[in-house]
């Protein structure tokens, strides 16, 4: 089995190359008795749906914020042009 070296605030940790996690997870596996149970796929899909829902709202808020910012910049440019 091959390993890679991952680093975190507590130091270096050898992590199996075929795993996607980093040093903190490997340290937890090493230090704590973690079972082999996996989360049911229905739970994973449920969390994915929950995470997916707020995205359109955050995009909408960002668009409104950006448009307000652009309007303020336009006013500022007009003021600067009038002054000079």
PDB file of N, CA and C in Angstrom:
ATOM      1  N   UNK A   1       0.843  -1.171   0.000  1.00  0.00           N
ATOM      2  CA  UNK A   1       0.000   0.000   0.000  1.00  0.00           C
ATOM      3  C   UNK A   1       0.889   1.235   0.000  1.00  0.00           C
ATOM      4  N   UNK A   2       0.535   2.216  -0.839  1.00  0.00           N
ATOM      5  CA  UNK A   2       1.331   3.437  -0.896  1.00  0.00           C
ATOM      6  C   UNK A   2       0.649   4.538  -0.083  1.00  0.00           C
ATOM      7  N   UNK A   3       1.468   5.426   0.421  1.00  0.00           N
ATOM      8  CA  UNK A   3       0.990   6.507   1.269  1.00  0.00           C
ATOM      9  C   UNK A   3       1.475   7.839   0.726  1.00  0.00           C
ATOM     10  N   UNK A   4       0.785   8.885   1.119  1.00  0.00           N
ATOM     11  CA  UNK A   4       1.242  10.249   0.858  1.00  0.00           C
ATOM     12  C   UNK A   4       1.311  10.953   2.211  1.00  0.00           C
ATOM     13  N   UNK A   5       2.101  11.991   2.294  1.00  0.00           N
ATOM     14  CA  UNK A   5       2.247  12.751   3.534  1.00  0.00           C
ATOM     15  C   UNK A   5       1.332  13.968   3.465  1.00  0.00           C
ATOM     16  N   UNK A   6       0.420  14.066   4.426  1.00  0.00           N
ATOM     17  CA  UNK A   6      -0.458  15.228   4.557  1.00  0.00           C
ATOM     18  C   UNK A   6      -0.034  16.000   5.800  1.00  0.00           C
ATOM     19  N   UNK A   7      -0.182  17.314   5.768  1.00  0.00           N
ATOM     20  CA  UNK A   7       0.221  18.153   6.896  1.00  0.00           C
ATOM     21  C   UNK A   7      -0.972  18.962   7.381  1.00  0.00           C
ATOM     22  N   UNK A   8      -1.017  19.177   8.695  1.00  0.00           N
ATOM     23  CA  UNK A   8      -1.976  20.094   9.296  1.00  0.00           C
ATOM     24  C   UNK A   8      -1.302  20.778  10.475  1.00  0.00           C
ATOM     25  N   UNK A   9      -2.073  21.450  11.325  1.00  0.00           N
ATOM     26  CA  UNK A   9      -1.480  22.197  12.425  1.00  0.00           C
ATOM     27  C   UNK A   9      -0.819  21.302  13.468  1.00  0.00           C
ATOM     28  N   UNK A  10      -1.175  20.024  13.480  1.00  0.00           N
ATOM     29  CA  UNK A  10      -0.591  19.103  14.465  1.00  0.00           C
ATOM     30  C   UNK A  10       0.618  18.350  13.922  1.00  0.00           C
ATOM     31  N   UNK A  11       0.934  18.557  12.659  1.00  0.00           N
ATOM     32  CA  UNK A  11       2.112  17.899  12.097  1.00  0.00           C
ATOM     33  C   UNK A  11       1.784  17.096  10.854  1.00  0.00           C
ATOM     34  N   UNK A  12       2.684  16.179  10.535  1.00  0.00           N
ATOM     35  CA  UNK A  12       2.537  15.348   9.350  1.00  0.00           C
ATOM     36  C   UNK A  12       1.820  14.053   9.689  1.00  0.00           C
ATOM     37  N   UNK A  13       1.144  13.497   8.684  1.00  0.00           N
ATOM     38  CA  UNK A  13       0.401  12.248   8.868  1.00  0.00           C
ATOM     39  C   UNK A  13       0.461  11.464   7.569  1.00  0.00           C
ATOM     40  N   UNK A  14       0.712  10.162   7.678  1.00  0.00           N
ATOM     41  CA  UNK A  14       0.698   9.302   6.497  1.00  0.00           C
ATOM     42  C   UNK A  14      -0.749   8.929   6.185  1.00  0.00           C
ATOM     43  N   UNK A  15      -1.173   9.201   4.951  1.00  0.00           N
ATOM     44  CA  UNK A  15      -2.538   8.917   4.510  1.00  0.00           C
ATOM     45  C   UNK A  15      -2.455   7.972   3.312  1.00  0.00           C
ATOM     46  N   UNK A  16      -3.270   6.919   3.285  1.00  0.00           N
ATOM     47  CA  UNK A  16      -3.254   6.033   2.125  1.00  0.00           C
ATOM     48  C   UNK A  16      -3.528   6.813   0.833  1.00  0.00           C
ATOM     49  N   UNK A  17      -2.790   6.505  -0.199  1.00  0.00           N
ATOM     50  CA  UNK A  17      -2.892   7.237  -1.459  1.00  0.00           C
ATOM     51  C   UNK A  17      -4.256   7.110  -2.126  1.00  0.00           C
ATOM     52  N   UNK A  18      -4.965   6.023  -1.850  1.00  0.00           N
ATOM     53  CA  UNK A  18      -6.257   5.826  -2.509  1.00  0.00           C
ATOM     54  C   UNK A  18      -7.406   6.514  -1.778  1.00  0.00           C
ATOM     55  N   UNK A  19      -7.135   7.221  -0.687  1.00  0.00           N
ATOM     56  CA  UNK A  19      -8.169   7.910   0.087  1.00  0.00           C
ATOM     57  C   UNK A  19      -8.161   9.395  -0.247  1.00  0.00           C
ATOM     58  N   UNK A  20      -9.339  10.016  -0.184  1.00  0.00           N
ATOM     59  CA  UNK A  20      -9.467  11.423  -0.523  1.00  0.00           C
ATOM     60  C   UNK A  20      -9.315  12.349   0.681  1.00  0.00           C
ATOM     61  N   UNK A  21      -9.292  11.797   1.899  1.00  0.00           N
ATOM     62  CA  UNK A  21      -9.232  12.667   3.060  1.00  0.00           C
ATOM     63  C   UNK A  21      -7.818  13.124   3.353  1.00  0.00           C
ATOM     64  N   UNK A  22      -7.738  14.048   4.305  1.00  0.00           N
ATOM     65  CA  UNK A  22      -6.449  14.657   4.650  1.00  0.00           C
ATOM     66  C   UNK A  22      -5.999  14.209   6.040  1.00  0.00           C
ATOM     67  N   UNK A  23      -5.070  14.944   6.616  1.00  0.00           N
ATOM     68  CA  UNK A  23      -4.419  14.544   7.868  1.00  0.00           C
ATOM     69  C   UNK A  23      -5.392  14.465   9.042  1.00  0.00           C
ATOM     70  N   UNK A  24      -6.306  15.411   9.167  1.00  0.00           N
ATOM     71  CA  UNK A  24      -7.202  15.421  10.325  1.00  0.00           C
ATOM     72  C   UNK A  24      -8.084  14.178  10.370  1.00  0.00           C
ATOM     73  N   UNK A  25      -8.622  13.785   9.224  1.00  0.00           N
ATOM     74  CA  UNK A  25      -9.459  12.585   9.191  1.00  0.00           C
ATOM     75  C   UNK A  25      -8.631  11.344   9.479  1.00  0.00           C
ATOM     76  N   UNK A  26      -7.446  11.270   8.907  1.00  0.00           N
ATOM     77  CA  UNK A  26      -6.585  10.115   9.154  1.00  0.00           C
ATOM     78  C   UNK A  26      -6.211  10.027  10.629  1.00  0.00           C
ATOM     79  N   UNK A  27      -5.954  11.164  11.253  1.00  0.00           N
ATOM     80  CA  UNK A  27      -5.624  11.187  12.669  1.00  0.00           C
ATOM     81  C   UNK A  27      -6.820  10.706  13.501  1.00  0.00           C
ATOM     82  N   UNK A  28      -8.026  11.095  13.113  1.00  0.00           N
ATOM     83  CA  UNK A  28      -9.228  10.643  13.823  1.00  0.00           C
ATOM     84  C   UNK A  28      -9.401   9.141  13.690  1.00  0.00           C
ATOM     85  N   UNK A  29      -9.180   8.608  12.504  1.00  0.00           N
ATOM     86  CA  UNK A  29      -9.284   7.158  12.288  1.00  0.00           C
ATOM     87  C   UNK A  29      -8.264   6.435  13.157  1.00  0.00           C
ATOM     88  N   UNK A  30      -7.085   7.003  13.257  1.00  0.00           N
ATOM     89  CA  UNK A  30      -6.010   6.392  14.042  1.00  0.00           C
ATOM     90  C   UNK A  30      -6.299   6.451  15.552  1.00  0.00           C
ATOM     91  N   UNK A  31      -6.847   7.585  16.014  1.00  0.00           N
ATOM     92  CA  UNK A  31      -7.017   7.801  17.451  1.00  0.00           C
ATOM     93  C   UNK A  31      -8.353   7.327  18.028  1.00  0.00           C
ATOM     94  N   UNK A  32      -9.376   7.216  17.211  1.00  0.00           N
ATOM     95  CA  UNK A  32     -10.693   6.870  17.710  1.00  0.00           C
ATOM     96  C   UNK A  32     -11.213   5.624  17.025  1.00  0.00           C
ATOM     97  N   UNK A  33     -12.011   4.869  17.745  1.00  0.00           N
ATOM     98  CA  UNK A  33     -12.598   3.668  17.170  1.00  0.00           C
ATOM     99  C   UNK A  33     -13.790   4.072  16.314  1.00  0.00           C
ATOM    100  N   UNK A  34     -13.570   4.079  15.025  1.00  0.00           N
ATOM    101  CA  UNK A  34     -14.609   4.478  14.077  1.00  0.00           C
ATOM    102  C   UNK A  34     -15.087   3.218  13.368  1.00  0.00           C
ATOM    103  N   UNK A  35     -16.396   3.044  13.313  1.00  0.00           N
ATOM    104  CA  UNK A  35     -16.958   1.850  12.693  1.00  0.00           C
ATOM    105  C   UNK A  35     -16.893   1.888  11.177  1.00  0.00           C
ATOM    106  N   UNK A  36     -17.361   0.830  10.566  1.00  0.00           N
ATOM    107  CA  UNK A  36     -17.376   0.719   9.105  1.00  0.00           C
ATOM    108  C   UNK A  36     -18.738   1.056   8.515  1.00  0.00           C
ATOM    109  N   UNK A  37     -19.666   1.537   9.370  1.00  0.00           N
ATOM    110  CA  UNK A  37     -20.992   1.842   8.865  1.00  0.00           C
ATOM    111  C   UNK A  37     -20.916   3.013   7.890  1.00  0.00           C
ATOM    112  N   UNK A  38     -21.739   2.968   6.868  1.00  0.00           N
ATOM    113  CA  UNK A  38     -21.818   4.084   5.931  1.00  0.00           C
ATOM    114  C   UNK A  38     -23.193   4.728   6.051  1.00  0.00           C
ATOM    115  N   UNK A  39     -23.265   5.965   5.658  1.00  0.00           N
ATOM    116  CA  UNK A  39     -24.518   6.691   5.722  1.00  0.00           C
ATOM    117  C   UNK A  39     -25.440   6.193   4.607  1.00  0.00           C
ATOM    118  N   UNK A  40     -26.721   5.957   4.888  1.00  0.00           N
ATOM    119  CA  UNK A  40     -27.647   5.527   3.840  1.00  0.00           C
ATOM    120  C   UNK A  40     -27.711   6.560   2.713  1.00  0.00           C
ATOM    121  N   UNK A  41     -27.805   6.083   1.489  1.00  0.00           N
ATOM    122  CA  UNK A  41     -27.782   6.968   0.314  1.00  0.00           C
ATOM    123  C   UNK A  41     -28.931   7.964   0.341  1.00  0.00           C
ATOM    124  N   UNK A  42     -30.055   7.596   0.964  1.00  0.00           N
ATOM    125  CA  UNK A  42     -31.188   8.517   1.052  1.00  0.00           C
ATOM    126  C   UNK A  42     -30.824   9.760   1.873  1.00  0.00           C
ATOM    127  N   UNK A  43     -30.017   9.553   2.912  1.00  0.00           N
ATOM    128  CA  UNK A  43     -29.560  10.682   3.736  1.00  0.00           C
ATOM    129  C   UNK A  43     -28.634  11.578   2.926  1.00  0.00           C
ATOM    130  N   UNK A  44     -27.744  10.973   2.163  1.00  0.00           N
ATOM    131  CA  UNK A  44     -26.818  11.745   1.333  1.00  0.00           C
ATOM    132  C   UNK A  44     -27.596  12.596   0.344  1.00  0.00           C
ATOM    133  N   UNK A  45     -28.586  11.999  -0.332  1.00  0.00           N
ATOM    134  CA  UNK A  45     -29.404  12.749  -1.290  1.00  0.00           C
ATOM    135  C   UNK A  45     -30.209  13.844  -0.590  1.00  0.00           C
ATOM    136  N   UNK A  46     -30.686  13.548   0.614  1.00  0.00           N
ATOM    137  CA  UNK A  46     -31.425  14.553   1.373  1.00  0.00           C
ATOM    138  C   UNK A  46     -30.565  15.764   1.687  1.00  0.00           C
ATOM    139  N   UNK A  47     -29.335  15.522   2.149  1.00  0.00           N
ATOM    140  CA  UNK A  47     -28.424  16.636   2.427  1.00  0.00           C
ATOM    141  C   UNK A  47     -28.079  17.396   1.148  1.00  0.00           C
ATOM    142  N   UNK A  48     -27.911  16.675   0.055  1.00  0.00           N
ATOM    143  CA  UNK A  48     -27.607  17.335  -1.220  1.00  0.00           C
ATOM    144  C   UNK A  48     -28.752  18.254  -1.623  1.00  0.00           C
ATOM    145  N   UNK A  49     -29.983  17.799  -1.444  1.00  0.00           N
ATOM    146  CA  UNK A  49     -31.132  18.644  -1.777  1.00  0.00           C
ATOM    147  C   UNK A  49     -31.207  19.869  -0.876  1.00  0.00           C
ATOM    148  N   UNK A  50     -30.917  19.683   0.406  1.00  0.00           N
ATOM    149  CA  UNK A  50     -30.922  20.829   1.318  1.00  0.00           C
ATOM    150  C   UNK A  50     -29.858  21.851   0.931  1.00  0.00           C
ATOM    151  N   UNK A  51     -28.685  21.377   0.556  1.00  0.00           N
ATOM    152  CA  UNK A  51     -27.596  22.277   0.178  1.00  0.00           C
ATOM    153  C   UNK A  51     -27.891  22.983  -1.133  1.00  0.00           C
ATOM    154  N   UNK A  52     -28.639  22.314  -2.010  1.00  0.00           N
ATOM    155  CA  UNK A  52     -28.921  22.848  -3.338  1.00  0.00           C
ATOM    156  C   UNK A  52     -29.945  23.974  -3.284  1.00  0.00           C
ATOM    157  N   UNK A  53     -30.872  23.942  -2.350  1.00  0.00           N
ATOM    158  CA  UNK A  53     -31.978  24.902  -2.312  1.00  0.00           C
ATOM    159  C   UNK A  53     -31.542  26.349  -2.097  1.00  0.00           C
ATOM    160  N   UNK A  54     -30.633  26.654  -1.166  1.00  0.00           N
ATOM    161  CA  UNK A  54     -30.298  28.068  -0.928  1.00  0.00           C
ATOM    162  C   UNK A  54     -29.529  28.727  -2.067  1.00  0.00           C
ATOM    163  N   UNK A  55     -28.991  27.964  -2.986  1.00  0.00           N
ATOM    164  CA  UNK A  55     -28.139  28.538  -4.026  1.00  0.00           C
ATOM    165  C   UNK A  55     -28.857  29.593  -4.861  1.00  0.00           C
ATOM    166  N   UNK A  56     -30.072  29.344  -5.376  1.00  0.00           N
ATOM    167  CA  UNK A  56     -30.720  30.395  -6.176  1.00  0.00           C
ATOM    168  C   UNK A  56     -30.920  31.695  -5.394  1.00  0.00           C
ATOM    169  N   UNK A  57     -31.232  31.608  -4.101  1.00  0.00           N
ATOM    170  CA  UNK A  57     -31.407  32.816  -3.309  1.00  0.00           C
ATOM    171  C   UNK A  57     -30.100  33.569  -3.165  1.00  0.00           C
ATOM    172  N   UNK A  58     -29.023  32.853  -2.907  1.00  0.00           N
ATOM    173  CA  UNK A  58     -27.748  33.544  -2.750  1.00  0.00           C
ATOM    174  C   UNK A  58     -27.312  34.180  -4.065  1.00  0.00           C
ATOM    175  N   UNK A  59     -27.615  33.532  -5.177  1.00  0.00           N
ATOM    176  CA  UNK A  59     -27.282  34.120  -6.481  1.00  0.00           C
ATOM    177  C   UNK A  59     -28.111  35.369  -6.711  1.00  0.00           C
ATOM    178  N   UNK A  60     -29.408  35.299  -6.364  1.00  0.00           N
ATOM    179  CA  UNK A  60     -30.267  36.456  -6.537  1.00  0.00           C
ATOM    180  C   UNK A  60     -29.798  37.629  -5.682  1.00  0.00           C
ATOM    181  N   UNK A  61     -29.441  37.360  -4.445  1.00  0.00           N
ATOM    182  CA  UNK A  61     -28.956  38.412  -3.549  1.00  0.00           C
ATOM    183  C   UNK A  61     -27.673  39.021  -4.108  1.00  0.00           C
ATOM    184  N   UNK A  62     -26.803  38.175  -4.644  1.00  0.00           N
ATOM    185  CA  UNK A  62     -25.550  38.669  -5.215  1.00  0.00           C
ATOM    186  C   UNK A  62     -25.821  39.555  -6.425  1.00  0.00           C
ATOM    187  N   UNK A  63     -26.767  39.158  -7.276  1.00  0.00           N
ATOM    188  CA  UNK A  63     -27.098  39.950  -8.471  1.00  0.00           C
ATOM    189  C   UNK A  63     -27.658  41.307  -8.058  1.00  0.00           C
ATOM    190  N   UNK A  64     -28.564  41.323  -7.074  1.00  0.00           N
ATOM    191  CA  UNK A  64     -29.132  42.591  -6.606  1.00  0.00           C
ATOM    192  C   UNK A  64     -28.032  43.466  -6.022  1.00  0.00           C
ATOM    193  N   UNK A  65     -27.162  42.888  -5.206  1.00  0.00           N
ATOM    194  CA  UNK A  65     -26.078  43.652  -4.612  1.00  0.00           C
ATOM    195  C   UNK A  65     -25.169  44.245  -5.679  1.00  0.00           C
ATOM    196  N   UNK A  66     -24.855  43.417  -6.682  1.00  0.00           N
ATOM    197  CA  UNK A  66     -23.961  43.884  -7.748  1.00  0.00           C
ATOM    198  C   UNK A  66     -24.627  44.999  -8.552  1.00  0.00           C
ATOM    199  N   UNK A  67     -25.913  44.871  -8.826  1.00  0.00           N
ATOM    200  CA  UNK A  67     -26.590  45.916  -9.591  1.00  0.00           C
ATOM    201  C   UNK A  67     -26.645  47.220  -8.788  1.00  0.00           C
ATOM    202  N   UNK A  68     -26.862  47.125  -7.471  1.00  0.00           N
ATOM    203  CA  UNK A  68     -26.845  48.327  -6.637  1.00  0.00           C
ATOM    204  C   UNK A  68     -25.461  48.954  -6.637  1.00  0.00           C
ATOM    205  N   UNK A  69     -24.447  48.134  -6.584  1.00  0.00           N
ATOM    206  CA  UNK A  69     -23.079  48.636  -6.616  1.00  0.00           C
ATOM    207  C   UNK A  69     -22.800  49.351  -7.933  1.00  0.00           C
ATOM    208  N   UNK A  70     -23.247  48.768  -9.041  1.00  0.00           N
ATOM    209  CA  UNK A  70     -23.034  49.401 -10.348  1.00  0.00           C
ATOM    210  C   UNK A  70     -23.753  50.737 -10.438  1.00  0.00           C
ATOM    211  N   UNK A  71     -24.975  50.819  -9.894  1.00  0.00           N
ATOM    212  CA  UNK A  71     -25.705  52.086  -9.897  1.00  0.00           C
ATOM    213  C   UNK A  71     -24.960  53.145  -9.091  1.00  0.00           C
ATOM    214  N   UNK A  72     -24.428  52.759  -7.947  1.00  0.00           N
ATOM    215  CA  UNK A  72     -23.666  53.703  -7.127  1.00  0.00           C
ATOM    216  C   UNK A  72     -22.407  54.175  -7.853  1.00  0.00           C
ATOM    217  N   UNK A  73     -21.749  53.249  -8.544  1.00  0.00           N
ATOM    218  CA  UNK A  73     -20.543  53.625  -9.294  1.00  0.00           C
ATOM    219  C   UNK A  73     -20.882  54.573 -10.438  1.00  0.00           C
ATOM    220  N   UNK A  74     -22.022  54.341 -11.109  1.00  0.00           N
ATOM    221  CA  UNK A  74     -22.436  55.235 -12.190  1.00  0.00           C
ATOM    222  C   UNK A  74     -22.677  56.645 -11.663  1.00  0.00           C
ATOM    223  N   UNK A  75     -23.353  56.724 -10.508  1.00  0.00           N
ATOM    224  CA  UNK A  75     -23.597  58.033  -9.910  1.00  0.00           C
ATOM    225  C   UNK A  75     -22.286  58.712  -9.533  1.00  0.00           C
ATOM    226  N   UNK A  76     -21.362  57.950  -9.006  1.00  0.00           N
ATOM    227  CA  UNK A  76     -20.064  58.500  -8.621  1.00  0.00           C
ATOM    228  C   UNK A  76     -19.307  59.026  -9.834  1.00  0.00           C
ATOM    229  N   UNK A  77     -19.346  58.270 -10.922  1.00  0.00           N
ATOM    230  CA  UNK A  77     -18.657  58.692 -12.148  1.00  0.00           C
ATOM    231  C   UNK A  77     -19.299  59.971 -12.681  1.00  0.00           C
ATOM    232  N   UNK A  78     -20.628  60.044 -12.658  1.00  0.00           N
ATOM    233  CA  UNK A  78     -21.310  61.259 -13.118  1.00  0.00           C
ATOM    234  C   UNK A  78     -20.919  62.458 -12.253  1.00  0.00           C
ATOM    235  N   UNK A  79     -20.862  62.260 -10.933  1.00  0.00           N
ATOM    236  CA  UNK A  79     -20.461  63.341 -10.039  1.00  0.00           C
ATOM    237  C   UNK A  79     -19.035  63.793 -10.338  1.00  0.00           C
ATOM    238  N   UNK A  80     -18.158  62.846 -10.543  1.00  0.00           N
ATOM    239  CA  UNK A  80     -16.764  63.188 -10.837  1.00  0.00           C
ATOM    240  C   UNK A  80     -16.656  63.939 -12.146  1.00  0.00           C
ATOM    241  N   UNK A  81     -17.455  63.549 -13.120  1.00  0.00           N
ATOM    242  CA  UNK A  81     -17.429  64.232 -14.421  1.00  0.00           C
ATOM    243  C   UNK A  81     -17.957  65.644 -14.298  1.00  0.00           C
ATOM    244  N   UNK A  82     -18.952  65.869 -13.451  1.00  0.00           N
ATOM    245  CA  UNK A  82     -19.513  67.197 -13.261  1.00  0.00           C
ATOM    246  C   UNK A  82     -18.536  68.119 -12.535  1.00  0.00           C
ATOM    247  N   UNK A  83     -17.778  67.555 -11.622  1.00  0.00           N
ATOM    248  CA  UNK A  83     -16.837  68.352 -10.835  1.00  0.00           C
ATOM    249  C   UNK A  83     -15.665  68.792 -11.694  1.00  0.00           C
ATOM    250  N   UNK A  84     -15.189  67.932 -12.546  1.00  0.00           N
ATOM    251  CA  UNK A  84     -13.991  68.237 -13.357  1.00  0.00           C
ATOM    252  C   UNK A  84     -14.413  68.848 -14.608  1.00  0.00           C
TER     253      UNK A  84
END
